[in-house]
Amino acid sequence: MTPHEKYQLNTLYVQSNRAGTWETISEYRLTYKTPETSRTSDSIDSTTQRQLTLYSVQRFNNDASNQIPATIFEYGESVGTAPFYHPAWNRLTKVENGQGGRVTFTYANTFAACRFNE
């Protein structure tokens, strides 16, 4: 990955302190896309670099014996053409919770079309 991504969060534990003892209530496991399929920086020239890209989050019970389906994240793949890159490129476009729930995101350019050489 890129030099500024020295660490990544792989597991998150939710704990409760009952009677002075910490007890794990649930666990979340995060997975990431491979370096080859990770998102790139917003530059598409020779300075492009891959960035850590979250792929899924899965919840487990307190002893990791029971799990719910993973929530999967998808990102815009289409770059488009300069100077008007596709507004969803490199952005979160869909989240599916593995239980039939889905949310999709659409993006629009927020700037007026530019005219060159007029």
PDB file of N, CA and C in Angstrom:
ATOM      1  N   MET A   1       0.834  -1.179   0.000  1.00  0.00           N
ATOM      2  CA  MET A   1       0.000   0.000   0.000  1.00  0.00           C
ATOM      3  C   MET A   1       0.882   1.246   0.000  1.00  0.00           C
ATOM      4  N   THR A   2       0.295   2.354   0.354  1.00  0.00           N
ATOM      5  CA  THR A   2       1.027   3.607   0.302  1.00  0.00           C
ATOM      6  C   THR A   2       1.792   3.843   1.599  1.00  0.00           C
ATOM      7  N   PRO A   3       2.838   4.659   1.531  1.00  0.00           N
ATOM      8  CA  PRO A   3       3.674   4.883   2.707  1.00  0.00           C
ATOM      9  C   PRO A   3       2.916   5.424   3.919  1.00  0.00           C
ATOM     10  N   HIS A   4       1.875   6.228   3.699  1.00  0.00           N
ATOM     11  CA  HIS A   4       1.169   6.815   4.841  1.00  0.00           C
ATOM     12  C   HIS A   4       0.219   5.829   5.516  1.00  0.00           C
ATOM     13  N   GLU A   5       0.046   4.648   4.965  1.00  0.00           N
ATOM     14  CA  GLU A   5      -0.827   3.642   5.560  1.00  0.00           C
ATOM     15  C   GLU A   5       0.005   2.583   6.259  1.00  0.00           C
ATOM     16  N   LYS A   6       0.523   2.960   7.382  1.00  0.00           N
ATOM     17  CA  LYS A   6       1.410   2.076   8.120  1.00  0.00           C
ATOM     18  C   LYS A   6       0.640   1.027   8.917  1.00  0.00           C
ATOM     19  N   TYR A   7      -0.568   1.357   9.339  1.00  0.00           N
ATOM     20  CA  TYR A   7      -1.363   0.455  10.162  1.00  0.00           C
ATOM     21  C   TYR A   7      -2.737   0.262   9.538  1.00  0.00           C
ATOM     22  N   GLN A   8      -3.368  -0.864   9.859  1.00  0.00           N
ATOM     23  CA  GLN A   8      -4.753  -1.067   9.463  1.00  0.00           C
ATOM     24  C   GLN A   8      -5.489  -1.755  10.605  1.00  0.00           C
ATOM     25  N   LEU A   9      -6.755  -1.433  10.745  1.00  0.00           N
ATOM     26  CA  LEU A   9      -7.588  -2.024  11.784  1.00  0.00           C
ATOM     27  C   LEU A   9      -8.207  -3.299  11.229  1.00  0.00           C
ATOM     28  N   ASN A  10      -7.921  -4.433  11.833  1.00  0.00           N
ATOM     29  CA  ASN A  10      -8.444  -5.716  11.367  1.00  0.00           C
ATOM     30  C   ASN A  10      -9.551  -6.267  12.251  1.00  0.00           C
ATOM     31  N   THR A  11      -9.496  -5.982  13.533  1.00  0.00           N
ATOM     32  CA  THR A  11     -10.489  -6.509  14.469  1.00  0.00           C
ATOM     33  C   THR A  11     -10.848  -5.438  15.486  1.00  0.00           C
ATOM     34  N   LEU A  12     -12.132  -5.354  15.764  1.00  0.00           N
ATOM     35  CA  LEU A  12     -12.636  -4.418  16.758  1.00  0.00           C
ATOM     36  C   LEU A  12     -13.421  -5.224  17.788  1.00  0.00           C
ATOM     37  N   TYR A  13     -13.080  -5.069  19.054  1.00  0.00           N
ATOM     38  CA  TYR A  13     -13.773  -5.778  20.126  1.00  0.00           C
ATOM     39  C   TYR A  13     -14.650  -4.801  20.891  1.00  0.00           C
ATOM     40  N   VAL A  14     -15.900  -5.183  21.124  1.00  0.00           N
ATOM     41  CA  VAL A  14     -16.803  -4.407  21.967  1.00  0.00           C
ATOM     42  C   VAL A  14     -16.821  -5.103  23.317  1.00  0.00           C
ATOM     43  N   GLN A  15     -16.450  -4.357  24.354  1.00  0.00           N
ATOM     44  CA  GLN A  15     -16.335  -4.966  25.677  1.00  0.00           C
ATOM     45  C   GLN A  15     -17.152  -4.198  26.711  1.00  0.00           C
ATOM     46  N   SER A  16     -17.490  -4.900  27.764  1.00  0.00           N
ATOM     47  CA  SER A  16     -18.213  -4.330  28.893  1.00  0.00           C
ATOM     48  C   SER A  16     -17.440  -4.663  30.165  1.00  0.00           C
ATOM     49  N   ASN A  17     -17.429  -3.721  31.083  1.00  0.00           N
ATOM     50  CA  ASN A  17     -16.731  -3.941  32.346  1.00  0.00           C
ATOM     51  C   ASN A  17     -17.770  -4.175  33.438  1.00  0.00           C
ATOM     52  N   ARG A  18     -18.077  -5.443  33.637  1.00  0.00           N
ATOM     53  CA  ARG A  18     -19.023  -5.810  34.691  1.00  0.00           C
ATOM     54  C   ARG A  18     -18.247  -6.263  35.919  1.00  0.00           C
ATOM     55  N   ALA A  19     -18.537  -5.655  37.009  1.00  0.00           N
ATOM     56  CA  ALA A  19     -17.918  -6.031  38.289  1.00  0.00           C
ATOM     57  C   ALA A  19     -16.403  -6.014  38.222  1.00  0.00           C
ATOM     58  N   GLY A  20     -15.852  -5.049  37.474  1.00  0.00           N
ATOM     59  CA  GLY A  20     -14.406  -4.890  37.428  1.00  0.00           C
ATOM     60  C   GLY A  20     -13.669  -5.812  36.480  1.00  0.00           C
ATOM     61  N   THR A  21     -14.390  -6.593  35.696  1.00  0.00           N
ATOM     62  CA  THR A  21     -13.755  -7.504  34.744  1.00  0.00           C
ATOM     63  C   THR A  21     -14.240  -7.188  33.331  1.00  0.00           C
ATOM     64  N   TRP A  22     -13.297  -6.984  32.415  1.00  0.00           N
ATOM     65  CA  TRP A  22     -13.653  -6.721  31.025  1.00  0.00           C
ATOM     66  C   TRP A  22     -14.104  -8.012  30.356  1.00  0.00           C
ATOM     67  N   GLU A  23     -15.245  -7.909  29.666  1.00  0.00           N
ATOM     68  CA  GLU A  23     -15.827  -9.062  28.988  1.00  0.00           C
ATOM     69  C   GLU A  23     -16.163  -8.673  27.551  1.00  0.00           C
ATOM     70  N   THR A  24     -15.722  -9.489  26.597  1.00  0.00           N
ATOM     71  CA  THR A  24     -16.031  -9.220  25.191  1.00  0.00           C
ATOM     72  C   THR A  24     -17.494  -9.545  24.921  1.00  0.00           C
ATOM     73  N   ILE A  25     -18.200  -8.580  24.342  1.00  0.00           N
ATOM     74  CA  ILE A  25     -19.608  -8.757  23.994  1.00  0.00           C
ATOM     75  C   ILE A  25     -19.737  -9.188  22.540  1.00  0.00           C
ATOM     76  N   SER A  26     -18.983  -8.544  21.680  1.00  0.00           N
ATOM     77  CA  SER A  26     -18.987  -8.903  20.262  1.00  0.00           C
ATOM     78  C   SER A  26     -17.670  -8.491  19.627  1.00  0.00           C
ATOM     79  N   GLU A  27     -17.477  -8.988  18.428  1.00  0.00           N
ATOM     80  CA  GLU A  27     -16.232  -8.759  17.692  1.00  0.00           C
ATOM     81  C   GLU A  27     -16.597  -8.417  16.251  1.00  0.00           C
ATOM     82  N   TYR A  28     -15.892  -7.449  15.682  1.00  0.00           N
ATOM     83  CA  TYR A  28     -16.076  -7.083  14.279  1.00  0.00           C
ATOM     84  C   TYR A  28     -14.763  -7.332  13.556  1.00  0.00           C
ATOM     85  N   ARG A  29     -14.827  -8.070  12.450  1.00  0.00           N
ATOM     86  CA  ARG A  29     -13.626  -8.336  11.657  1.00  0.00           C
ATOM     87  C   ARG A  29     -13.721  -7.563  10.347  1.00  0.00           C
ATOM     88  N   LEU A  30     -12.678  -6.809  10.068  1.00  0.00           N
ATOM     89  CA  LEU A  30     -12.619  -6.003   8.856  1.00  0.00           C
ATOM     90  C   LEU A  30     -11.681  -6.661   7.862  1.00  0.00           C
ATOM     91  N   THR A  31     -12.094  -6.719   6.607  1.00  0.00           N
ATOM     92  CA  THR A  31     -11.216  -7.224   5.554  1.00  0.00           C
ATOM     93  C   THR A  31     -11.088  -6.147   4.487  1.00  0.00           C
ATOM     94  N   TYR A  32      -9.986  -6.219   3.770  1.00  0.00           N
ATOM     95  CA  TYR A  32      -9.660  -5.189   2.791  1.00  0.00           C
ATOM     96  C   TYR A  32      -9.427  -5.818   1.430  1.00  0.00           C
ATOM     97  N   LYS A  33      -9.607  -5.010   0.405  1.00  0.00           N
ATOM     98  CA  LYS A  33      -9.302  -5.483  -0.942  1.00  0.00           C
ATOM     99  C   LYS A  33      -7.803  -5.746  -1.041  1.00  0.00           C
ATOM    100  N   THR A  34      -7.427  -6.581  -1.998  1.00  0.00           N
ATOM    101  CA  THR A  34      -6.008  -6.845  -2.212  1.00  0.00           C
ATOM    102  C   THR A  34      -5.352  -5.593  -2.781  1.00  0.00           C
ATOM    103  N   PRO A  35      -4.045  -5.471  -2.701  1.00  0.00           N
ATOM    104  CA  PRO A  35      -3.387  -4.299  -3.287  1.00  0.00           C
ATOM    105  C   PRO A  35      -3.732  -4.107  -4.769  1.00  0.00           C
ATOM    106  N   GLU A  36      -3.897  -5.206  -5.493  1.00  0.00           N
ATOM    107  CA  GLU A  36      -4.197  -5.105  -6.926  1.00  0.00           C
ATOM    108  C   GLU A  36      -5.609  -4.583  -7.189  1.00  0.00           C
ATOM    109  N   THR A  37      -6.546  -4.821  -6.280  1.00  0.00           N
ATOM    110  CA  THR A  37      -7.929  -4.386  -6.499  1.00  0.00           C
ATOM    111  C   THR A  37      -8.329  -3.202  -5.628  1.00  0.00           C
ATOM    112  N   SER A  38      -7.402  -2.678  -4.842  1.00  0.00           N
ATOM    113  CA  SER A  38      -7.702  -1.523  -3.999  1.00  0.00           C
ATOM    114  C   SER A  38      -7.894  -0.278  -4.844  1.00  0.00           C
ATOM    115  N   ARG A  39      -8.578   0.690  -4.278  1.00  0.00           N
ATOM    116  CA  ARG A  39      -8.807   1.973  -4.948  1.00  0.00           C
ATOM    117  C   ARG A  39      -7.480   2.691  -5.129  1.00  0.00           C
ATOM    118  N   THR A  40      -7.460   3.584  -6.082  1.00  0.00           N
ATOM    119  CA  THR A  40      -6.272   4.395  -6.323  1.00  0.00           C
ATOM    120  C   THR A  40      -6.516   5.800  -5.794  1.00  0.00           C
ATOM    121  N   SER A  41      -5.450   6.567  -5.751  1.00  0.00           N
ATOM    122  CA  SER A  41      -5.617   7.968  -5.386  1.00  0.00           C
ATOM    123  C   SER A  41      -6.400   8.648  -6.504  1.00  0.00           C
ATOM    124  N   ASP A  42      -6.809   9.879  -6.287  1.00  0.00           N
ATOM    125  CA  ASP A  42      -7.595  10.571  -7.305  1.00  0.00           C
ATOM    126  C   ASP A  42      -6.790  10.965  -8.528  1.00  0.00           C
ATOM    127  N   SER A  43      -5.529  10.727  -8.504  1.00  0.00           N
ATOM    128  CA  SER A  43      -4.687  11.020  -9.660  1.00  0.00           C
ATOM    129  C   SER A  43      -4.655   9.794 -10.562  1.00  0.00           C
ATOM    130  N   ILE A  44      -4.800   9.984 -11.867  1.00  0.00           N
ATOM    131  CA  ILE A  44      -4.737   8.834 -12.772  1.00  0.00           C
ATOM    132  C   ILE A  44      -3.494   8.880 -13.655  1.00  0.00           C
ATOM    133  N   ASP A  45      -2.549   9.702 -13.284  1.00  0.00           N
ATOM    134  CA  ASP A  45      -1.315   9.750 -14.060  1.00  0.00           C
ATOM    135  C   ASP A  45      -0.276   8.841 -13.409  1.00  0.00           C
ATOM    136  N   SER A  46       0.970   9.093 -13.664  1.00  0.00           N
ATOM    137  CA  SER A  46       2.030   8.216 -13.165  1.00  0.00           C
ATOM    138  C   SER A  46       2.187   8.264 -11.645  1.00  0.00           C
ATOM    139  N   THR A  47       1.534   9.222 -10.975  1.00  0.00           N
ATOM    140  CA  THR A  47       1.660   9.307  -9.521  1.00  0.00           C
ATOM    141  C   THR A  47       0.589   8.498  -8.791  1.00  0.00           C
ATOM    142  N   THR A  48      -0.237   7.793  -9.537  1.00  0.00           N
ATOM    143  CA  THR A  48      -1.303   7.001  -8.924  1.00  0.00           C
ATOM    144  C   THR A  48      -0.734   5.986  -7.953  1.00  0.00           C
ATOM    145  N   GLN A  49      -1.340   5.884  -6.798  1.00  0.00           N
ATOM    146  CA  GLN A  49      -0.928   4.875  -5.831  1.00  0.00           C
ATOM    147  C   GLN A  49      -2.170   4.225  -5.230  1.00  0.00           C
ATOM    148  N   ARG A  50      -2.037   2.968  -4.905  1.00  0.00           N
ATOM    149  CA  ARG A  50      -3.137   2.216  -4.310  1.00  0.00           C
ATOM    150  C   ARG A  50      -3.324   2.644  -2.861  1.00  0.00           C
ATOM    151  N   GLN A  51      -4.576   2.588  -2.399  1.00  0.00           N
ATOM    152  CA  GLN A  51      -4.882   2.968  -1.030  1.00  0.00           C
ATOM    153  C   GLN A  51      -5.684   1.867  -0.362  1.00  0.00           C
ATOM    154  N   LEU A  52      -5.492   1.721   0.919  1.00  0.00           N
ATOM    155  CA  LEU A  52      -6.200   0.716   1.691  1.00  0.00           C
ATOM    156  C   LEU A  52      -7.703   0.890   1.480  1.00  0.00           C
ATOM    157  N   THR A  53      -8.386  -0.180   1.043  1.00  0.00           N
ATOM    158  CA  THR A  53      -9.796  -0.097   0.679  1.00  0.00           C
ATOM    159  C   THR A  53     -10.592  -1.147   1.446  1.00  0.00           C
ATOM    160  N   LEU A  54     -11.513  -0.705   2.282  1.00  0.00           N
ATOM    161  CA  LEU A  54     -12.334  -1.618   3.072  1.00  0.00           C
ATOM    162  C   LEU A  54     -13.241  -2.428   2.157  1.00  0.00           C
ATOM    163  N   TYR A  55     -13.240  -3.749   2.330  1.00  0.00           N
ATOM    164  CA  TYR A  55     -14.092  -4.639   1.539  1.00  0.00           C
ATOM    165  C   TYR A  55     -15.298  -5.128   2.344  1.00  0.00           C
ATOM    166  N   SER A  56     -15.079  -5.566   3.587  1.00  0.00           N
ATOM    167  CA  SER A  56     -16.204  -6.093   4.354  1.00  0.00           C
ATOM    168  C   SER A  56     -15.990  -5.926   5.854  1.00  0.00           C
ATOM    169  N   VAL A  57     -17.121  -5.975   6.569  1.00  0.00           N
ATOM    170  CA  VAL A  57     -17.132  -5.985   8.029  1.00  0.00           C
ATOM    171  C   VAL A  57     -18.077  -7.106   8.443  1.00  0.00           C
ATOM    172  N   GLN A  58     -17.607  -7.967   9.341  1.00  0.00           N
ATOM    173  CA  GLN A  58     -18.437  -9.072   9.803  1.00  0.00           C
ATOM    174  C   GLN A  58     -18.463  -9.098  11.326  1.00  0.00           C
ATOM    175  N   ARG A  59     -19.671  -9.271  11.865  1.00  0.00           N
ATOM    176  CA  ARG A  59     -19.853  -9.284  13.322  1.00  0.00           C
ATOM    177  C   ARG A  59     -19.942 -10.715  13.833  1.00  0.00           C
ATOM    178  N   PHE A  60     -19.274 -10.960  14.961  1.00  0.00           N
ATOM    179  CA  PHE A  60     -19.292 -12.257  15.639  1.00  0.00           C
ATOM    180  C   PHE A  60     -19.770 -12.046  17.068  1.00  0.00           C
ATOM    181  N   ASN A  61     -20.297 -13.114  17.684  1.00  0.00           N
ATOM    182  CA  ASN A  61     -20.705 -13.005  19.082  1.00  0.00           C
ATOM    183  C   ASN A  61     -19.480 -13.028  19.990  1.00  0.00           C
ATOM    184  N   ASN A  62     -19.709 -13.077  21.292  1.00  0.00           N
ATOM    185  CA  ASN A  62     -18.618 -12.902  22.256  1.00  0.00           C
ATOM    186  C   ASN A  62     -17.520 -13.953  22.177  1.00  0.00           C
ATOM    187  N   ASP A  63     -17.816 -15.177  21.742  1.00  0.00           N
ATOM    188  CA  ASP A  63     -16.750 -16.184  21.645  1.00  0.00           C
ATOM    189  C   ASP A  63     -16.433 -16.551  20.193  1.00  0.00           C
ATOM    190  N   ALA A  64     -16.900 -15.740  19.263  1.00  0.00           N
ATOM    191  CA  ALA A  64     -16.645 -15.904  17.823  1.00  0.00           C
ATOM    192  C   ALA A  64     -17.216 -17.200  17.261  1.00  0.00           C
ATOM    193  N   SER A  65     -18.161 -17.818  17.980  1.00  0.00           N
ATOM    194  CA  SER A  65     -18.744 -19.064  17.493  1.00  0.00           C
ATOM    195  C   SER A  65     -19.959 -18.824  16.604  1.00  0.00           C
ATOM    196  N   ASN A  66     -20.522 -17.642  16.663  1.00  0.00           N
ATOM    197  CA  ASN A  66     -21.707 -17.324  15.890  1.00  0.00           C
ATOM    198  C   ASN A  66     -21.465 -16.019  15.151  1.00  0.00           C
ATOM    199  N   GLN A  67     -21.913 -15.962  13.914  1.00  0.00           N
ATOM    200  CA  GLN A  67     -21.645 -14.770  13.108  1.00  0.00           C
ATOM    201  C   GLN A  67     -22.865 -14.400  12.291  1.00  0.00           C
ATOM    202  N   ILE A  68     -22.926 -13.141  11.905  1.00  0.00           N
ATOM    203  CA  ILE A  68     -23.938 -12.721  10.946  1.00  0.00           C
ATOM    204  C   ILE A  68     -23.220 -12.511   9.617  1.00  0.00           C
ATOM    205  N   PRO A  69     -23.954 -12.523   8.503  1.00  0.00           N
ATOM    206  CA  PRO A  69     -23.290 -12.338   7.209  1.00  0.00           C
ATOM    207  C   PRO A  69     -22.524 -11.015   7.156  1.00  0.00           C
ATOM    208  N   ALA A  70     -21.474 -11.015   6.396  1.00  0.00           N
ATOM    209  CA  ALA A  70     -20.630  -9.824   6.269  1.00  0.00           C
ATOM    210  C   ALA A  70     -21.356  -8.718   5.512  1.00  0.00           C
ATOM    211  N   THR A  71     -21.055  -7.492   5.880  1.00  0.00           N
ATOM    212  CA  THR A  71     -21.487  -6.326   5.119  1.00  0.00           C
ATOM    213  C   THR A  71     -20.389  -6.039   4.106  1.00  0.00           C
ATOM    214  N   ILE A  72     -20.779  -5.938   2.826  1.00  0.00           N
ATOM    215  CA  ILE A  72     -19.827  -5.783   1.724  1.00  0.00           C
ATOM    216  C   ILE A  72     -19.925  -4.364   1.164  1.00  0.00           C
ATOM    217  N   PHE A  73     -18.779  -3.782   0.847  1.00  0.00           N
ATOM    218  CA  PHE A  73     -18.704  -2.431   0.300  1.00  0.00           C
ATOM    219  C   PHE A  73     -18.202  -2.481  -1.141  1.00  0.00           C
ATOM    220  N   GLU A  74     -18.845  -1.708  -2.028  1.00  0.00           N
ATOM    221  CA  GLU A  74     -18.403  -1.614  -3.420  1.00  0.00           C
ATOM    222  C   GLU A  74     -18.128  -0.155  -3.753  1.00  0.00           C
ATOM    223  N   TYR A  75     -17.211   0.027  -4.707  1.00  0.00           N
ATOM    224  CA  TYR A  75     -16.751   1.368  -5.060  1.00  0.00           C
ATOM    225  C   TYR A  75     -16.839   1.573  -6.567  1.00  0.00           C
ATOM    226  N   GLY A  76     -16.966   2.842  -6.985  1.00  0.00           N
ATOM    227  CA  GLY A  76     -17.040   3.168  -8.404  1.00  0.00           C
ATOM    228  C   GLY A  76     -15.756   2.809  -9.129  1.00  0.00           C
ATOM    229  N   GLU A  77     -15.890   2.074 -10.221  1.00  0.00           N
ATOM    230  CA  GLU A  77     -14.731   1.602 -10.984  1.00  0.00           C
ATOM    231  C   GLU A  77     -14.453   2.440 -12.228  1.00  0.00           C
ATOM    232  N   SER A  78     -15.488   3.052 -12.790  1.00  0.00           N
ATOM    233  CA  SER A  78     -15.342   3.752 -14.069  1.00  0.00           C
ATOM    234  C   SER A  78     -14.686   5.118 -13.881  1.00  0.00           C
ATOM    235  N   VAL A  79     -13.574   5.314 -14.563  1.00  0.00           N
ATOM    236  CA  VAL A  79     -12.845   6.578 -14.457  1.00  0.00           C
ATOM    237  C   VAL A  79     -13.522   7.678 -15.262  1.00  0.00           C
ATOM    238  N   GLY A  80     -13.999   7.351 -16.461  1.00  0.00           N
ATOM    239  CA  GLY A  80     -14.523   8.366 -17.356  1.00  0.00           C
ATOM    240  C   GLY A  80     -13.380   8.967 -18.150  1.00  0.00           C
ATOM    241  N   THR A  81     -13.608  10.117 -18.722  1.00  0.00           N
ATOM    242  CA  THR A  81     -12.570  10.760 -19.531  1.00  0.00           C
ATOM    243  C   THR A  81     -12.334  12.186 -19.041  1.00  0.00           C
ATOM    244  N   ALA A  82     -11.078  12.610 -19.128  1.00  0.00           N
ATOM    245  CA  ALA A  82     -10.704  13.956 -18.708  1.00  0.00           C
ATOM    246  C   ALA A  82     -11.355  14.968 -19.637  1.00  0.00           C
ATOM    247  N   PRO A  83     -11.678  16.130 -19.188  1.00  0.00           N
ATOM    248  CA  PRO A  83     -11.533  16.624 -17.821  1.00  0.00           C
ATOM    249  C   PRO A  83     -12.729  16.278 -16.930  1.00  0.00           C
ATOM    250  N   PHE A  84     -13.677  15.493 -17.451  1.00  0.00           N
ATOM    251  CA  PHE A  84     -14.888  15.186 -16.682  1.00  0.00           C
ATOM    252  C   PHE A  84     -14.883  13.732 -16.246  1.00  0.00           C
ATOM    253  N   TYR A  85     -14.185  13.439 -15.188  1.00  0.00           N
ATOM    254  CA  TYR A  85     -14.144  12.078 -14.679  1.00  0.00           C
ATOM    255  C   TYR A  85     -15.513  11.689 -14.132  1.00  0.00           C
ATOM    256  N   HIS A  86     -15.802  10.402 -14.153  1.00  0.00           N
ATOM    257  CA  HIS A  86     -17.082   9.909 -13.646  1.00  0.00           C
ATOM    258  C   HIS A  86     -17.203  10.298 -12.175  1.00  0.00           C
ATOM    259  N   PRO A  87     -18.313  10.913 -11.760  1.00  0.00           N
ATOM    260  CA  PRO A  87     -18.418  11.394 -10.385  1.00  0.00           C
ATOM    261  C   PRO A  87     -18.352  10.292  -9.321  1.00  0.00           C
ATOM    262  N   ALA A  88     -18.675   9.045  -9.670  1.00  0.00           N
ATOM    263  CA  ALA A  88     -18.629   7.954  -8.686  1.00  0.00           C
ATOM    264  C   ALA A  88     -17.278   7.257  -8.643  1.00  0.00           C
ATOM    265  N   TRP A  89     -16.366   7.652  -9.510  1.00  0.00           N
ATOM    266  CA  TRP A  89     -15.061   6.996  -9.540  1.00  0.00           C
ATOM    267  C   TRP A  89     -14.372   7.148  -8.187  1.00  0.00           C
ATOM    268  N   ASN A  90     -13.925   6.020  -7.651  1.00  0.00           N
ATOM    269  CA  ASN A  90     -13.213   5.975  -6.368  1.00  0.00           C
ATOM    270  C   ASN A  90     -14.093   6.321  -5.168  1.00  0.00           C
ATOM    271  N   ARG A  91     -15.391   6.266  -5.331  1.00  0.00           N
ATOM    272  CA  ARG A  91     -16.303   6.593  -4.235  1.00  0.00           C
ATOM    273  C   ARG A  91     -17.132   5.359  -3.874  1.00  0.00           C
ATOM    274  N   LEU A  92     -17.614   5.315  -2.652  1.00  0.00           N
ATOM    275  CA  LEU A  92     -18.497   4.236  -2.212  1.00  0.00           C
ATOM    276  C   LEU A  92     -19.779   4.285  -3.032  1.00  0.00           C
ATOM    277  N   THR A  93     -20.154   3.155  -3.656  1.00  0.00           N
ATOM    278  CA  THR A  93     -21.356   3.126  -4.485  1.00  0.00           C
ATOM    279  C   THR A  93     -22.431   2.175  -3.970  1.00  0.00           C
ATOM    280  N   LYS A  94     -22.048   1.158  -3.196  1.00  0.00           N
ATOM    281  CA  LYS A  94     -23.052   0.205  -2.716  1.00  0.00           C
ATOM    282  C   LYS A  94     -22.587  -0.458  -1.426  1.00  0.00           C
ATOM    283  N   VAL A  95     -23.559  -0.702  -0.539  1.00  0.00           N
ATOM    284  CA  VAL A  95     -23.320  -1.451   0.690  1.00  0.00           C
ATOM    285  C   VAL A  95     -24.416  -2.507   0.779  1.00  0.00           C
ATOM    286  N   GLU A  96     -24.022  -3.774   0.955  1.00  0.00           N
ATOM    287  CA  GLU A  96     -24.974  -4.874   1.120  1.00  0.00           C
ATOM    288  C   GLU A  96     -24.696  -5.558   2.451  1.00  0.00           C
ATOM    289  N   ASN A  97     -25.755  -5.806   3.226  1.00  0.00           N
ATOM    290  CA  ASN A  97     -25.546  -6.358   4.564  1.00  0.00           C
ATOM    291  C   ASN A  97     -25.575  -7.884   4.620  1.00  0.00           C
ATOM    292  N   GLY A  98     -25.696  -8.568   3.486  1.00  0.00           N
ATOM    293  CA  GLY A  98     -25.689 -10.024   3.469  1.00  0.00           C
ATOM    294  C   GLY A  98     -26.979 -10.655   3.948  1.00  0.00           C
ATOM    295  N   GLN A  99     -27.972  -9.829   4.260  1.00  0.00           N
ATOM    296  CA  GLN A  99     -29.270 -10.326   4.723  1.00  0.00           C
ATOM    297  C   GLN A  99     -30.403  -9.744   3.885  1.00  0.00           C
ATOM    298  N   GLY A 100     -30.068  -9.275   2.696  1.00  0.00           N
ATOM    299  CA  GLY A 100     -31.073  -8.708   1.805  1.00  0.00           C
ATOM    300  C   GLY A 100     -31.133  -7.195   1.815  1.00  0.00           C
ATOM    301  N   GLY A 101     -30.460  -6.562   2.739  1.00  0.00           N
ATOM    302  CA  GLY A 101     -30.453  -5.105   2.792  1.00  0.00           C
ATOM    303  C   GLY A 101     -29.386  -4.533   1.872  1.00  0.00           C
ATOM    304  N   ARG A 102     -29.730  -3.452   1.192  1.00  0.00           N
ATOM    305  CA  ARG A 102     -28.785  -2.840   0.260  1.00  0.00           C
ATOM    306  C   ARG A 102     -29.061  -1.339   0.191  1.00  0.00           C
ATOM    307  N   VAL A 103     -28.003  -0.578   0.128  1.00  0.00           N
ATOM    308  CA  VAL A 103     -28.119   0.852  -0.116  1.00  0.00           C
ATOM    309  C   VAL A 103     -27.132   1.188  -1.225  1.00  0.00           C
ATOM    310  N   THR A 104     -27.570   2.029  -2.161  1.00  0.00           N
ATOM    311  CA  THR A 104     -26.684   2.448  -3.248  1.00  0.00           C
ATOM    312  C   THR A 104     -26.544   3.964  -3.209  1.00  0.00           C
ATOM    313  N   PHE A 105     -25.412   4.425  -3.690  1.00  0.00           N
ATOM    314  CA  PHE A 105     -25.109   5.848  -3.712  1.00  0.00           C
ATOM    315  C   PHE A 105     -24.837   6.271  -5.147  1.00  0.00           C
ATOM    316  N   THR A 106     -25.380   7.404  -5.534  1.00  0.00           N
ATOM    317  CA  THR A 106     -25.073   7.975  -6.838  1.00  0.00           C
ATOM    318  C   THR A 106     -24.476   9.354  -6.613  1.00  0.00           C
ATOM    319  N   TYR A 107     -23.652   9.760  -7.542  1.00  0.00           N
ATOM    320  CA  TYR A 107     -22.943  11.026  -7.425  1.00  0.00           C
ATOM    321  C   TYR A 107     -23.139  11.834  -8.698  1.00  0.00           C
ATOM    322  N   ALA A 108     -23.085  13.128  -8.569  1.00  0.00           N
ATOM    323  CA  ALA A 108     -23.172  14.014  -9.721  1.00  0.00           C
ATOM    324  C   ALA A 108     -22.044  15.024  -9.630  1.00  0.00           C
ATOM    325  N   ASN A 109     -21.588  15.475 -10.785  1.00  0.00           N
ATOM    326  CA  ASN A 109     -20.586  16.537 -10.787  1.00  0.00           C
ATOM    327  C   ASN A 109     -21.219  17.786 -10.202  1.00  0.00           C
ATOM    328  N   THR A 110     -20.492  18.471  -9.350  1.00  0.00           N
ATOM    329  CA  THR A 110     -21.036  19.656  -8.691  1.00  0.00           C
ATOM    330  C   THR A 110     -20.522  20.950  -9.304  1.00  0.00           C
ATOM    331  N   PHE A 111     -19.911  20.830 -10.450  1.00  0.00           N
ATOM    332  CA  PHE A 111     -19.400  22.019 -11.117  1.00  0.00           C
ATOM    333  C   PHE A 111     -20.009  22.100 -12.507  1.00  0.00           C
ATOM    334  N   ALA A 112     -20.110  23.308 -13.006  1.00  0.00           N
ATOM    335  CA  ALA A 112     -20.656  23.503 -14.348  1.00  0.00           C
ATOM    336  C   ALA A 112     -19.658  23.006 -15.382  1.00  0.00           C
ATOM    337  N   ALA A 113     -20.173  22.519 -16.489  1.00  0.00           N
ATOM    338  CA  ALA A 113     -19.298  22.054 -17.567  1.00  0.00           C
ATOM    339  C   ALA A 113     -18.429  23.214 -18.038  1.00  0.00           C
ATOM    340  N   CYS A 114     -17.153  22.959 -18.174  1.00  0.00           N
ATOM    341  CA  CYS A 114     -16.206  23.986 -18.617  1.00  0.00           C
ATOM    342  C   CYS A 114     -16.073  23.922 -20.130  1.00  0.00           C
ATOM    343  N   ARG A 115     -15.849  25.065 -20.714  1.00  0.00           N
ATOM    344  CA  ARG A 115     -15.583  25.084 -22.147  1.00  0.00           C
ATOM    345  C   ARG A 115     -14.174  25.611 -22.338  1.00  0.00           C
ATOM    346  N   PHE A 116     -13.408  24.879 -23.126  1.00  0.00           N
ATOM    347  CA  PHE A 116     -12.026  25.253 -23.368  1.00  0.00           C
ATOM    348  C   PHE A 116     -11.867  25.822 -24.769  1.00  0.00           C
ATOM    349  N   ASN A 117     -10.876  26.661 -24.931  1.00  0.00           N
ATOM    350  CA  ASN A 117     -10.502  27.227 -26.234  1.00  0.00           C
ATOM    351  C   ASN A 117     -11.634  28.006 -26.882  1.00  0.00           C
ATOM    352  N   GLU A 118     -12.325  28.827 -26.121  1.00  0.00           N
ATOM    353  CA  GLU A 118     -13.371  29.660 -26.724  1.00  0.00           C
ATOM    354  C   GLU A 118     -12.875  31.061 -26.901  1.00  0.00           C
TER     355      GLU A 118
END
